[in-house]
Amino acid sequence: MAAKTKTTTKSARGRKQDRARVAGGQDYEVRYEAEKSGRSASAVKKAVKKVGNSRKTVERKLAH
């Protein structure tokens, strides 16, 4: 008799939520947002601290 193996499937669960947030403590996310907005990494970190980690609100803050 062959041993049964458990198959795992990768799901997209949580990925959409992750994209909607900016992790201010993650350098790669801060760099990405800084390059995207044309602002400095410290400006991105300040925006996250001031308005929270919602990507939409951070992008709005950086646009002003």
PDB file of N, CA and C in Angstrom:
ATOM      1  N   MET A   1       0.835  -1.173   0.000  1.00  0.00           N
ATOM      2  CA  MET A   1       0.000   0.000   0.000  1.00  0.00           C
ATOM      3  C   MET A   1       0.888   1.248   0.000  1.00  0.00           C
ATOM      4  N   ALA A   2       0.575   2.183  -0.850  1.00  0.00           N
ATOM      5  CA  ALA A   2       1.358   3.418  -0.944  1.00  0.00           C
ATOM      6  C   ALA A   2       0.936   4.381   0.163  1.00  0.00           C
ATOM      7  N   ALA A   3       1.900   5.081   0.675  1.00  0.00           N
ATOM      8  CA  ALA A   3       1.602   6.059   1.730  1.00  0.00           C
ATOM      9  C   ALA A   3       0.906   7.267   1.117  1.00  0.00           C
ATOM     10  N   LYS A   4      -0.109   7.735   1.800  1.00  0.00           N
ATOM     11  CA  LYS A   4      -0.824   8.918   1.318  1.00  0.00           C
ATOM     12  C   LYS A   4      -0.045  10.162   1.732  1.00  0.00           C
ATOM     13  N   THR A   5       0.064  11.081   0.820  1.00  0.00           N
ATOM     14  CA  THR A   5       0.741  12.339   1.138  1.00  0.00           C
ATOM     15  C   THR A   5      -0.288  13.447   1.147  1.00  0.00           C
ATOM     16  N   LYS A   6      -0.078  14.351   2.025  1.00  0.00           N
ATOM     17  CA  LYS A   6      -0.980  15.489   2.127  1.00  0.00           C
ATOM     18  C   LYS A   6      -0.579  16.523   1.078  1.00  0.00           C
ATOM     19  N   THR A   7      -1.523  16.907   0.280  1.00  0.00           N
ATOM     20  CA  THR A   7      -1.228  17.928  -0.723  1.00  0.00           C
ATOM     21  C   THR A   7      -1.575  19.294  -0.152  1.00  0.00           C
ATOM     22  N   THR A   8      -0.732  20.226  -0.441  1.00  0.00           N
ATOM     23  CA  THR A   8      -1.002  21.593   0.019  1.00  0.00           C
ATOM     24  C   THR A   8      -1.212  22.471  -1.189  1.00  0.00           C
ATOM     25  N   THR A   9      -2.134  23.342  -1.059  1.00  0.00           N
ATOM     26  CA  THR A   9      -2.381  24.304  -2.119  1.00  0.00           C
ATOM     27  C   THR A   9      -2.141  25.692  -1.576  1.00  0.00           C
ATOM     28  N   LYS A  10      -1.567  26.492  -2.406  1.00  0.00           N
ATOM     29  CA  LYS A  10      -1.325  27.872  -1.998  1.00  0.00           C
ATOM     30  C   LYS A  10      -2.532  28.701  -2.400  1.00  0.00           C
ATOM     31  N   SER A  11      -2.994  29.507  -1.506  1.00  0.00           N
ATOM     32  CA  SER A  11      -4.147  30.338  -1.814  1.00  0.00           C
ATOM     33  C   SER A  11      -3.738  31.801  -1.787  1.00  0.00           C
ATOM     34  N   ALA A  12      -4.585  32.622  -2.296  1.00  0.00           N
ATOM     35  CA  ALA A  12      -4.331  34.052  -2.322  1.00  0.00           C
ATOM     36  C   ALA A  12      -4.842  34.716  -1.045  1.00  0.00           C
ATOM     37  N   ARG A  13      -5.266  33.911  -0.098  1.00  0.00           N
ATOM     38  CA  ARG A  13      -5.846  34.447   1.127  1.00  0.00           C
ATOM     39  C   ARG A  13      -4.859  35.374   1.835  1.00  0.00           C
ATOM     40  N   GLY A  14      -5.274  36.588   2.072  1.00  0.00           N
ATOM     41  CA  GLY A  14      -4.449  37.548   2.788  1.00  0.00           C
ATOM     42  C   GLY A  14      -3.591  38.422   1.892  1.00  0.00           C
ATOM     43  N   ARG A  15      -3.344  38.003   0.679  1.00  0.00           N
ATOM     44  CA  ARG A  15      -2.471  38.791  -0.200  1.00  0.00           C
ATOM     45  C   ARG A  15      -3.093  40.126  -0.570  1.00  0.00           C
ATOM     46  N   LYS A  16      -4.385  40.117  -0.843  1.00  0.00           N
ATOM     47  CA  LYS A  16      -5.064  41.363  -1.205  1.00  0.00           C
ATOM     48  C   LYS A  16      -5.008  42.330  -0.030  1.00  0.00           C
ATOM     49  N   GLN A  17      -5.182  41.805   1.164  1.00  0.00           N
ATOM     50  CA  GLN A  17      -5.111  42.657   2.351  1.00  0.00           C
ATOM     51  C   GLN A  17      -3.704  43.205   2.530  1.00  0.00           C
ATOM     52  N   ASP A  18      -2.704  42.390   2.247  1.00  0.00           N
ATOM     53  CA  ASP A  18      -1.315  42.832   2.373  1.00  0.00           C
ATOM     54  C   ASP A  18      -1.005  43.954   1.397  1.00  0.00           C
ATOM     55  N   ARG A  19      -1.533  43.861   0.200  1.00  0.00           N
ATOM     56  CA  ARG A  19      -1.267  44.903  -0.790  1.00  0.00           C
ATOM     57  C   ARG A  19      -1.934  46.217  -0.418  1.00  0.00           C
ATOM     58  N   ALA A  20      -2.966  46.159   0.395  1.00  0.00           N
ATOM     59  CA  ALA A  20      -3.689  47.364   0.788  1.00  0.00           C
ATOM     60  C   ALA A  20      -3.005  48.096   1.938  1.00  0.00           C
ATOM     61  N   ARG A  21      -1.901  47.554   2.434  1.00  0.00           N
ATOM     62  CA  ARG A  21      -1.197  48.141   3.576  1.00  0.00           C
ATOM     63  C   ARG A  21       0.255  48.416   3.225  1.00  0.00           C
ATOM     64  N   VAL A  22       0.820  49.416   3.884  1.00  0.00           N
ATOM     65  CA  VAL A  22       2.247  49.715   3.759  1.00  0.00           C
ATOM     66  C   VAL A  22       2.873  49.370   5.101  1.00  0.00           C
ATOM     67  N   ALA A  23       3.784  48.408   5.094  1.00  0.00           N
ATOM     68  CA  ALA A  23       4.471  48.025   6.324  1.00  0.00           C
ATOM     69  C   ALA A  23       5.636  48.989   6.518  1.00  0.00           C
ATOM     70  N   GLY A  24       5.467  49.965   7.395  1.00  0.00           N
ATOM     71  CA  GLY A  24       6.476  50.984   7.626  1.00  0.00           C
ATOM     72  C   GLY A  24       7.785  50.444   8.145  1.00  0.00           C
ATOM     73  N   GLY A  25       7.776  49.267   8.743  1.00  0.00           N
ATOM     74  CA  GLY A  25       8.994  48.669   9.264  1.00  0.00           C
ATOM     75  C   GLY A  25       9.728  47.801   8.255  1.00  0.00           C
ATOM     76  N   GLN A  26       9.143  47.597   7.090  1.00  0.00           N
ATOM     77  CA  GLN A  26       9.761  46.775   6.054  1.00  0.00           C
ATOM     78  C   GLN A  26      10.444  47.683   5.032  1.00  0.00           C
ATOM     79  N   ASP A  27      11.768  47.627   4.994  1.00  0.00           N
ATOM     80  CA  ASP A  27      12.526  48.518   4.112  1.00  0.00           C
ATOM     81  C   ASP A  27      12.119  48.408   2.653  1.00  0.00           C
ATOM     82  N   TYR A  28      11.862  47.183   2.174  1.00  0.00           N
ATOM     83  CA  TYR A  28      11.517  47.030   0.761  1.00  0.00           C
ATOM     84  C   TYR A  28      10.176  47.688   0.440  1.00  0.00           C
ATOM     85  N   GLU A  29       9.245  47.652   1.366  1.00  0.00           N
ATOM     86  CA  GLU A  29       7.950  48.297   1.115  1.00  0.00           C
ATOM     87  C   GLU A  29       8.093  49.807   1.142  1.00  0.00           C
ATOM     88  N   VAL A  30       8.898  50.305   2.067  1.00  0.00           N
ATOM     89  CA  VAL A  30       9.128  51.752   2.159  1.00  0.00           C
ATOM     90  C   VAL A  30       9.835  52.234   0.893  1.00  0.00           C
ATOM     91  N   ARG A  31      10.856  51.490   0.444  1.00  0.00           N
ATOM     92  CA  ARG A  31      11.581  51.872  -0.786  1.00  0.00           C
ATOM     93  C   ARG A  31      10.654  51.861  -1.988  1.00  0.00           C
ATOM     94  N   TYR A  32       9.808  50.838  -2.083  1.00  0.00           N
ATOM     95  CA  TYR A  32       8.874  50.746  -3.207  1.00  0.00           C
ATOM     96  C   TYR A  32       7.950  51.955  -3.237  1.00  0.00           C
ATOM     97  N   GLU A  33       7.376  52.273  -2.096  1.00  0.00           N
ATOM     98  CA  GLU A  33       6.446  53.398  -2.035  1.00  0.00           C
ATOM     99  C   GLU A  33       7.171  54.722  -2.290  1.00  0.00           C
ATOM    100  N   ALA A  34       8.415  54.843  -1.821  1.00  0.00           N
ATOM    101  CA  ALA A  34       9.195  56.055  -2.047  1.00  0.00           C
ATOM    102  C   ALA A  34       9.485  56.240  -3.535  1.00  0.00           C
ATOM    103  N   GLU A  35       9.896  55.169  -4.201  1.00  0.00           N
ATOM    104  CA  GLU A  35      10.172  55.249  -5.642  1.00  0.00           C
ATOM    105  C   GLU A  35       8.902  55.549  -6.422  1.00  0.00           C
ATOM    106  N   LYS A  36       7.819  54.929  -6.024  1.00  0.00           N
ATOM    107  CA  LYS A  36       6.546  55.100  -6.715  1.00  0.00           C
ATOM    108  C   LYS A  36       6.037  56.541  -6.609  1.00  0.00           C
ATOM    109  N   SER A  37       6.214  57.130  -5.426  1.00  0.00           N
ATOM    110  CA  SER A  37       5.689  58.479  -5.207  1.00  0.00           C
ATOM    111  C   SER A  37       6.706  59.577  -5.504  1.00  0.00           C
ATOM    112  N   GLY A  38       7.975  59.196  -5.670  1.00  0.00           N
ATOM    113  CA  GLY A  38       9.003  60.204  -5.917  1.00  0.00           C
ATOM    114  C   GLY A  38       9.420  60.933  -4.653  1.00  0.00           C
ATOM    115  N   ARG A  39       9.105  60.375  -3.510  1.00  0.00           N
ATOM    116  CA  ARG A  39       9.454  60.990  -2.229  1.00  0.00           C
ATOM    117  C   ARG A  39      10.535  60.168  -1.553  1.00  0.00           C
ATOM    118  N   SER A  40      11.061  60.664  -0.461  1.00  0.00           N
ATOM    119  CA  SER A  40      12.113  59.955   0.264  1.00  0.00           C
ATOM    120  C   SER A  40      11.517  58.861   1.150  1.00  0.00           C
ATOM    121  N   ALA A  41      12.370  57.946   1.547  1.00  0.00           N
ATOM    122  CA  ALA A  41      11.937  56.862   2.425  1.00  0.00           C
ATOM    123  C   ALA A  41      11.485  57.418   3.775  1.00  0.00           C
ATOM    124  N   SER A  42      12.171  58.444   4.262  1.00  0.00           N
ATOM    125  CA  SER A  42      11.763  59.022   5.554  1.00  0.00           C
ATOM    126  C   SER A  42      10.402  59.703   5.446  1.00  0.00           C
ATOM    127  N   ALA A  43      10.086  60.283   4.278  1.00  0.00           N
ATOM    128  CA  ALA A  43       8.769  60.893   4.079  1.00  0.00           C
ATOM    129  C   ALA A  43       7.683  59.820   4.111  1.00  0.00           C
ATOM    130  N   VAL A  44       7.978  58.657   3.549  1.00  0.00           N
ATOM    131  CA  VAL A  44       7.019  57.547   3.563  1.00  0.00           C
ATOM    132  C   VAL A  44       6.792  57.081   4.990  1.00  0.00           C
ATOM    133  N   LYS A  45       7.870  56.907   5.746  1.00  0.00           N
ATOM    134  CA  LYS A  45       7.742  56.460   7.135  1.00  0.00           C
ATOM    135  C   LYS A  45       6.947  57.460   7.966  1.00  0.00           C
ATOM    136  N   LYS A  46       7.197  58.754   7.750  1.00  0.00           N
ATOM    137  CA  LYS A  46       6.452  59.790   8.478  1.00  0.00           C
ATOM    138  C   LYS A  46       4.970  59.745   8.113  1.00  0.00           C
ATOM    139  N   ALA A  47       4.686  59.529   6.828  1.00  0.00           N
ATOM    140  CA  ALA A  47       3.291  59.453   6.385  1.00  0.00           C
ATOM    141  C   ALA A  47       2.589  58.253   7.015  1.00  0.00           C
ATOM    142  N   VAL A  48       3.266  57.113   7.085  1.00  0.00           N
ATOM    143  CA  VAL A  48       2.679  55.913   7.692  1.00  0.00           C
ATOM    144  C   VAL A  48       2.401  56.186   9.167  1.00  0.00           C
ATOM    145  N   LYS A  49       3.337  56.847   9.823  1.00  0.00           N
ATOM    146  CA  LYS A  49       3.170  57.146  11.241  1.00  0.00           C
ATOM    147  C   LYS A  49       2.002  58.110  11.474  1.00  0.00           C
ATOM    148  N   LYS A  50       1.854  59.076  10.568  1.00  0.00           N
ATOM    149  CA  LYS A  50       0.827  60.105  10.743  1.00  0.00           C
ATOM    150  C   LYS A  50      -0.584  59.626  10.368  1.00  0.00           C
ATOM    151  N   VAL A  51      -0.721  58.934   9.225  1.00  0.00           N
ATOM    152  CA  VAL A  51      -2.066  58.590   8.738  1.00  0.00           C
ATOM    153  C   VAL A  51      -2.407  57.105   8.853  1.00  0.00           C
ATOM    154  N   GLY A  52      -1.469  56.281   9.301  1.00  0.00           N
ATOM    155  CA  GLY A  52      -1.724  54.858   9.407  1.00  0.00           C
ATOM    156  C   GLY A  52      -1.126  54.112   8.228  1.00  0.00           C
ATOM    157  N   ASN A  53      -1.369  52.809   8.162  1.00  0.00           N
ATOM    158  CA  ASN A  53      -0.694  52.018   7.144  1.00  0.00           C
ATOM    159  C   ASN A  53      -1.547  51.672   5.926  1.00  0.00           C
ATOM    160  N   SER A  54      -2.698  52.292   5.778  1.00  0.00           N
ATOM    161  CA  SER A  54      -3.514  52.071   4.588  1.00  0.00           C
ATOM    162  C   SER A  54      -2.795  52.684   3.387  1.00  0.00           C
ATOM    163  N   ARG A  55      -2.575  51.862   2.357  1.00  0.00           N
ATOM    164  CA  ARG A  55      -1.823  52.327   1.189  1.00  0.00           C
ATOM    165  C   ARG A  55      -2.476  53.545   0.543  1.00  0.00           C
ATOM    166  N   LYS A  56      -3.796  53.546   0.461  1.00  0.00           N
ATOM    167  CA  LYS A  56      -4.500  54.670  -0.175  1.00  0.00           C
ATOM    168  C   LYS A  56      -4.262  55.980   0.586  1.00  0.00           C
ATOM    169  N   THR A  57      -4.387  55.938   1.906  1.00  0.00           N
ATOM    170  CA  THR A  57      -4.206  57.170   2.673  1.00  0.00           C
ATOM    171  C   THR A  57      -2.748  57.616   2.671  1.00  0.00           C
ATOM    172  N   VAL A  58      -1.820  56.681   2.675  1.00  0.00           N
ATOM    173  CA  VAL A  58      -0.397  57.042   2.611  1.00  0.00           C
ATOM    174  C   VAL A  58      -0.099  57.696   1.267  1.00  0.00           C
ATOM    175  N   GLU A  59      -0.616  57.122   0.188  1.00  0.00           N
ATOM    176  CA  GLU A  59      -0.389  57.707  -1.129  1.00  0.00           C
ATOM    177  C   GLU A  59      -1.004  59.094  -1.241  1.00  0.00           C
ATOM    178  N   ARG A  60      -2.191  59.281  -0.662  1.00  0.00           N
ATOM    179  CA  ARG A  60      -2.809  60.620  -0.663  1.00  0.00           C
ATOM    180  C   ARG A  60      -1.966  61.617   0.101  1.00  0.00           C
ATOM    181  N   LYS A  61      -1.457  61.190   1.256  1.00  0.00           N
ATOM    182  CA  LYS A  61      -0.622  62.066   2.087  1.00  0.00           C
ATOM    183  C   LYS A  61       0.654  62.454   1.348  1.00  0.00           C
ATOM    184  N   LEU A  62       1.256  61.498   0.661  1.00  0.00           N
ATOM    185  CA  LEU A  62       2.497  61.783  -0.064  1.00  0.00           C
ATOM    186  C   LEU A  62       2.268  62.648  -1.297  1.00  0.00           C
ATOM    187  N   ALA A  63       1.064  62.645  -1.831  1.00  0.00           N
ATOM    188  CA  ALA A  63       0.754  63.440  -3.018  1.00  0.00           C
ATOM    189  C   ALA A  63       0.665  64.929  -2.694  1.00  0.00           C
ATOM    190  N   HIS A  64       0.411  65.273  -1.452  1.00  0.00           N
ATOM    191  CA  HIS A  64       0.274  66.692  -1.082  1.00  0.00           C
ATOM    192  C   HIS A  64       1.582  67.347  -0.839  1.00  0.00           C
TER     193      HIS A  64
END
